[in-house]
Amino acid sequence: MEAHRKELGMPPDMPAEQFFQEFLAHQLAYKKSTKDVPNDAKDPSKGMHQESNYTEYERKMLQAWGYSDKPQEVMDEKSGLYAARFDPLKGAKGPDGKPLHSEVAFRGTADLGGIEADTSKYIGATQYEPHKKEIAALMHGGVGQVSTTGHSLGGAAILAATPLIPE
C-alpha cells in the first residue's frame, strides 16, 4: 500500500489502516453490497438475481487491501441500520506483514430512520436495541480481533456495541 499511497489518495501522514477504515466508514457503509437485477430486462417475469452493488474501484480497493467484497451484513431499512463485516481473504497480510483481521463498518445517518435514531433515548438506540443479537453475531463471526469503524451515527453504534466485541 505504501508504494501506491499517492495513487490511492492516501494523505502522506495518515496511517494505512486508518485510511482503509475511512474508506469503509464513508463509502461502503452507505450501500448494500448487492442489488437485485432482472434476469431479463425486457421481461421482468423471468425473475431477479443479485449482483455486486460495488463499483469496480470499490471491489479493487477491497481486494488490494486483502478483503473480500462479500461482507456479512445486518440491515434494517426502517431504522436505517446498516453494518457490514469485511473479512480478510485467506492468507492476506497487512502492510506490516501480519495477518489481517475483520473490520466492521457502521453507517452514519443516511435517511429518516437514521434521524430518528439520532434523537432516540440514546443516539442509535432505535437501531441497536432491536438488533443486538445480529450485531453480536457480526462481531463474533470474524477473523481475529475485530476492528470497528463508523461515521457520525455509526460511531455512536460502535459505542453501544462495544460490550459485544470479543476480547
Foldseek 3Di string as FASTA:
>chain_A
DVVCCVVVVHPPPDDPVVVVLCCCAVPVQQDDQKDWDAPDPVDNVNDTDIDGPDDPVVCVVQVVQQWHSHWDWDDDVQLGWIKTKIAGDPPDAGPVRHDDKIEMEIYADDDPSNVVCCVPPHRNCVPCVVCVPVVLCSQPVIGDQYHYHYDHSRVVSCVVCVVSHDD
